[in-house]
Amino acid sequence: MLDCSWKTKGDELMNWQTILKKKPKPKSPRKKALERARAKGLAGLNKPQRLQGHKSKSHHVYAWDGKKGKYITFGQKGADTVPESNPTGKRKKKQDSFKARHAQNIKRGKMSAAYWANKVKW
């Protein structure tokens, strides 16, 4: 029978299995992105939140799509939006106008600010 062990520091015997266990595993891109999102104060990937302390944007999100991650700020801070309970239909007109104006960028998917503004704010 072959002995695959050898002596190391402190005269302790180690075989190839214990050496492989000690090597740190590289982090997956998703885990790295999740760490970056948490560092920005977000709950997770693709979870938009209100943004405090930014001069012009109201929300932020760390978008994850496949193997790519991207930090996105979106939404106009202090925008004059019409509440949903408004009976005159002004909200519907503003909503349709926004969706028509940004339709191309909304189609780009999760990696665009227009997609998130459409999903969260409208």
C-alpha atoms as a PDB file:
ATOM      1  CA  MET A   1       0.000   0.000   0.000  1.00  0.00           C
ATOM      2  CA  LEU A   2       1.286   3.453  -0.889  1.00  0.00           C
ATOM      3  CA  ASP A   3       1.782   5.952   1.884  1.00  0.00           C
ATOM      4  CA  CYS A   4       0.955   9.461   0.665  1.00  0.00           C
ATOM      5  CA  SER A   5       2.007  11.256   3.834  1.00  0.00           C
ATOM      6  CA  TRP A   6       5.100  13.266   4.721  1.00  0.00           C
ATOM      7  CA  LYS A   7       6.477  15.253   7.606  1.00  0.00           C
ATOM      8  CA  THR A   8       5.816  18.966   7.952  1.00  0.00           C
ATOM      9  CA  LYS A   9       6.280  21.640  10.599  1.00  0.00           C
ATOM     10  CA  GLY A  10       6.083  20.291  14.121  1.00  0.00           C
ATOM     11  CA  ASP A  11       6.621  16.692  12.910  1.00  0.00           C
ATOM     12  CA  GLU A  12       2.903  16.180  12.310  1.00  0.00           C
ATOM     13  CA  LEU A  13       1.927  13.881   9.498  1.00  0.00           C
ATOM     14  CA  MET A  14      -0.214  15.257   6.710  1.00  0.00           C
ATOM     15  CA  ASN A  15      -1.597  13.516   3.675  1.00  0.00           C
ATOM     16  CA  TRP A  16      -2.847  14.986   0.415  1.00  0.00           C
ATOM     17  CA  GLN A  17      -6.470  15.109   1.617  1.00  0.00           C
ATOM     18  CA  THR A  18      -5.744  17.392   4.569  1.00  0.00           C
ATOM     19  CA  ILE A  19      -3.594  19.672   2.396  1.00  0.00           C
ATOM     20  CA  LEU A  20      -6.452  20.102  -0.078  1.00  0.00           C
ATOM     21  CA  LYS A  21      -8.873  20.922   2.733  1.00  0.00           C
ATOM     22  CA  LYS A  22      -6.652  23.740   4.000  1.00  0.00           C
ATOM     23  CA  LYS A  23      -6.563  25.654   0.702  1.00  0.00           C
ATOM     24  CA  PRO A  24      -9.002  28.578   0.779  1.00  0.00           C
ATOM     25  CA  LYS A  25     -11.670  28.363  -1.865  1.00  0.00           C
ATOM     26  CA  PRO A  26     -11.939  31.372  -4.170  1.00  0.00           C
ATOM     27  CA  LYS A  27     -15.129  33.382  -3.733  1.00  0.00           C
ATOM     28  CA  SER A  28     -17.700  33.226  -6.464  1.00  0.00           C
ATOM     29  CA  PRO A  29     -18.467  36.460  -8.342  1.00  0.00           C
ATOM     30  CA  ARG A  30     -21.950  36.457  -6.833  1.00  0.00           C
ATOM     31  CA  LYS A  31     -20.583  36.342  -3.280  1.00  0.00           C
ATOM     32  CA  LYS A  32     -18.189  39.202  -4.056  1.00  0.00           C
ATOM     33  CA  ALA A  33     -21.084  41.224  -5.460  1.00  0.00           C
ATOM     34  CA  LEU A  34     -23.180  40.490  -2.380  1.00  0.00           C
ATOM     35  CA  GLU A  35     -20.357  41.765  -0.148  1.00  0.00           C
ATOM     36  CA  ARG A  36     -20.148  44.968  -2.217  1.00  0.00           C
ATOM     37  CA  ALA A  37     -23.917  45.432  -1.968  1.00  0.00           C
ATOM     38  CA  ARG A  38     -23.840  45.017   1.810  1.00  0.00           C
ATOM     39  CA  ALA A  39     -20.954  47.491   2.024  1.00  0.00           C
ATOM     40  CA  LYS A  40     -23.217  50.037   0.298  1.00  0.00           C
ATOM     41  CA  GLY A  41     -25.925  49.389   2.894  1.00  0.00           C
ATOM     42  CA  LEU A  42     -28.184  47.243   0.719  1.00  0.00           C
ATOM     43  CA  ALA A  43     -30.056  44.152   1.919  1.00  0.00           C
ATOM     44  CA  GLY A  44     -28.965  42.076  -1.072  1.00  0.00           C
ATOM     45  CA  LEU A  45     -28.690  41.828  -4.829  1.00  0.00           C
ATOM     46  CA  ASN A  46     -31.575  43.175  -6.924  1.00  0.00           C
ATOM     47  CA  LYS A  47     -33.219  44.678  -3.821  1.00  0.00           C
ATOM     48  CA  PRO A  48     -33.743  48.424  -4.319  1.00  0.00           C
ATOM     49  CA  GLN A  49     -33.827  50.760  -1.323  1.00  0.00           C
ATOM     50  CA  ARG A  50     -34.280  54.445  -0.580  1.00  0.00           C
ATOM     51  CA  LEU A  51     -31.007  56.350  -0.757  1.00  0.00           C
ATOM     52  CA  GLN A  52     -30.136  58.815   1.994  1.00  0.00           C
ATOM     53  CA  GLY A  53     -27.629  61.623   1.588  1.00  0.00           C
ATOM     54  CA  HIS A  54     -27.402  61.743  -2.207  1.00  0.00           C
ATOM     55  CA  LYS A  55     -27.888  65.152  -3.767  1.00  0.00           C
ATOM     56  CA  SER A  56     -29.955  64.113  -6.803  1.00  0.00           C
ATOM     57  CA  LYS A  57     -30.989  60.422  -6.655  1.00  0.00           C
ATOM     58  CA  SER A  58     -33.682  58.862  -4.474  1.00  0.00           C
ATOM     59  CA  HIS A  59     -33.011  55.093  -4.702  1.00  0.00           C
ATOM     60  CA  HIS A  60     -30.157  52.658  -5.225  1.00  0.00           C
ATOM     61  CA  VAL A  61     -29.706  48.965  -6.037  1.00  0.00           C
ATOM     62  CA  TYR A  62     -26.877  46.517  -6.736  1.00  0.00           C
ATOM     63  CA  ALA A  63     -28.113  44.826  -9.904  1.00  0.00           C
ATOM     64  CA  TRP A  64     -26.999  41.273 -10.639  1.00  0.00           C
ATOM     65  CA  ASP A  65     -27.602  39.649 -14.013  1.00  0.00           C
ATOM     66  CA  GLY A  66     -25.854  36.355 -14.704  1.00  0.00           C
ATOM     67  CA  LYS A  67     -22.182  36.941 -13.936  1.00  0.00           C
ATOM     68  CA  LYS A  68     -22.201  40.750 -13.919  1.00  0.00           C
ATOM     69  CA  GLY A  69     -22.917  43.108 -11.081  1.00  0.00           C
ATOM     70  CA  LYS A  70     -23.472  46.862 -11.198  1.00  0.00           C
ATOM     71  CA  TYR A  71     -24.255  49.525  -8.597  1.00  0.00           C
ATOM     72  CA  ILE A  72     -27.054  51.764  -9.874  1.00  0.00           C
ATOM     73  CA  THR A  73     -28.543  54.951  -8.446  1.00  0.00           C
ATOM     74  CA  PHE A  74     -31.863  55.996  -9.928  1.00  0.00           C
ATOM     75  CA  GLY A  75     -34.924  58.167  -9.465  1.00  0.00           C
ATOM     76  CA  GLN A  76     -35.142  61.927  -9.194  1.00  0.00           C
ATOM     77  CA  LYS A  77     -35.009  63.087  -5.582  1.00  0.00           C
ATOM     78  CA  GLY A  78     -37.957  65.280  -4.745  1.00  0.00           C
ATOM     79  CA  ALA A  79     -39.796  64.462  -7.960  1.00  0.00           C
ATOM     80  CA  ASP A  80     -43.315  65.870  -8.153  1.00  0.00           C
ATOM     81  CA  THR A  81     -45.289  62.665  -8.520  1.00  0.00           C
ATOM     82  CA  VAL A  82     -49.052  62.428  -8.354  1.00  0.00           C
ATOM     83  CA  PRO A  83     -50.463  60.129  -5.644  1.00  0.00           C
ATOM     84  CA  GLU A  84     -52.330  57.007  -6.754  1.00  0.00           C
ATOM     85  CA  SER A  85     -55.513  58.166  -5.076  1.00  0.00           C
ATOM     86  CA  ASN A  86     -55.781  61.192  -7.403  1.00  0.00           C
ATOM     87  CA  PRO A  87     -59.144  60.829  -9.184  1.00  0.00           C
ATOM     88  CA  THR A  88     -58.349  63.086 -12.162  1.00  0.00           C
ATOM     89  CA  GLY A  89     -56.117  60.545 -13.955  1.00  0.00           C
ATOM     90  CA  LYS A  90     -52.987  62.719 -13.852  1.00  0.00           C
ATOM     91  CA  ARG A  91     -50.939  59.849 -12.443  1.00  0.00           C
ATOM     92  CA  LYS A  92     -51.855  57.594 -15.364  1.00  0.00           C
ATOM     93  CA  LYS A  93     -50.846  60.319 -17.849  1.00  0.00           C
ATOM     94  CA  LYS A  94     -47.490  60.871 -16.122  1.00  0.00           C
ATOM     95  CA  GLN A  95     -46.892  57.140 -15.897  1.00  0.00           C
ATOM     96  CA  ASP A  96     -47.624  56.604 -19.604  1.00  0.00           C
ATOM     97  CA  SER A  97     -45.402  59.550 -20.506  1.00  0.00           C
ATOM     98  CA  PHE A  98     -42.470  58.163 -18.468  1.00  0.00           C
ATOM     99  CA  LYS A  99     -42.835  54.667 -19.924  1.00  0.00           C
ATOM    100  CA  ALA A 100     -42.986  55.997 -23.500  1.00  0.00           C
ATOM    101  CA  ARG A 101     -40.006  58.305 -23.007  1.00  0.00           C
ATOM    102  CA  HIS A 102     -37.789  55.596 -21.469  1.00  0.00           C
ATOM    103  CA  ALA A 103     -39.101  52.507 -23.295  1.00  0.00           C
ATOM    104  CA  GLN A 104     -35.776  51.693 -24.990  1.00  0.00           C
ATOM    105  CA  ASN A 105     -33.811  51.859 -21.749  1.00  0.00           C
ATOM    106  CA  ILE A 106     -36.435  49.895 -19.806  1.00  0.00           C
ATOM    107  CA  LYS A 107     -36.066  47.067 -22.354  1.00  0.00           C
ATOM    108  CA  ARG A 108     -32.342  46.823 -21.558  1.00  0.00           C
ATOM    109  CA  GLY A 109     -33.255  44.989 -18.362  1.00  0.00           C
ATOM    110  CA  LYS A 110     -31.886  44.941 -14.827  1.00  0.00           C
ATOM    111  CA  MET A 111     -28.629  46.677 -15.690  1.00  0.00           C
ATOM    112  CA  SER A 112     -30.290  50.022 -16.506  1.00  0.00           C
ATOM    113  CA  ALA A 113     -31.508  52.728 -14.162  1.00  0.00           C
ATOM    114  CA  ALA A 114     -34.686  53.184 -16.241  1.00  0.00           C
ATOM    115  CA  TYR A 115     -35.696  49.563 -15.562  1.00  0.00           C
ATOM    116  CA  TRP A 116     -35.444  50.086 -11.803  1.00  0.00           C
ATOM    117  CA  ALA A 117     -37.152  53.489 -11.875  1.00  0.00           C
ATOM    118  CA  ASN A 118     -40.017  51.933 -13.834  1.00  0.00           C
ATOM    119  CA  LYS A 119     -40.276  49.013 -11.426  1.00  0.00           C
ATOM    120  CA  VAL A 120     -39.960  50.914  -8.152  1.00  0.00           C
ATOM    121  CA  LYS A 121     -41.246  54.443  -8.724  1.00  0.00           C
ATOM    122  CA  TRP A 122     -43.921  53.960 -11.393  1.00  0.00           C
END
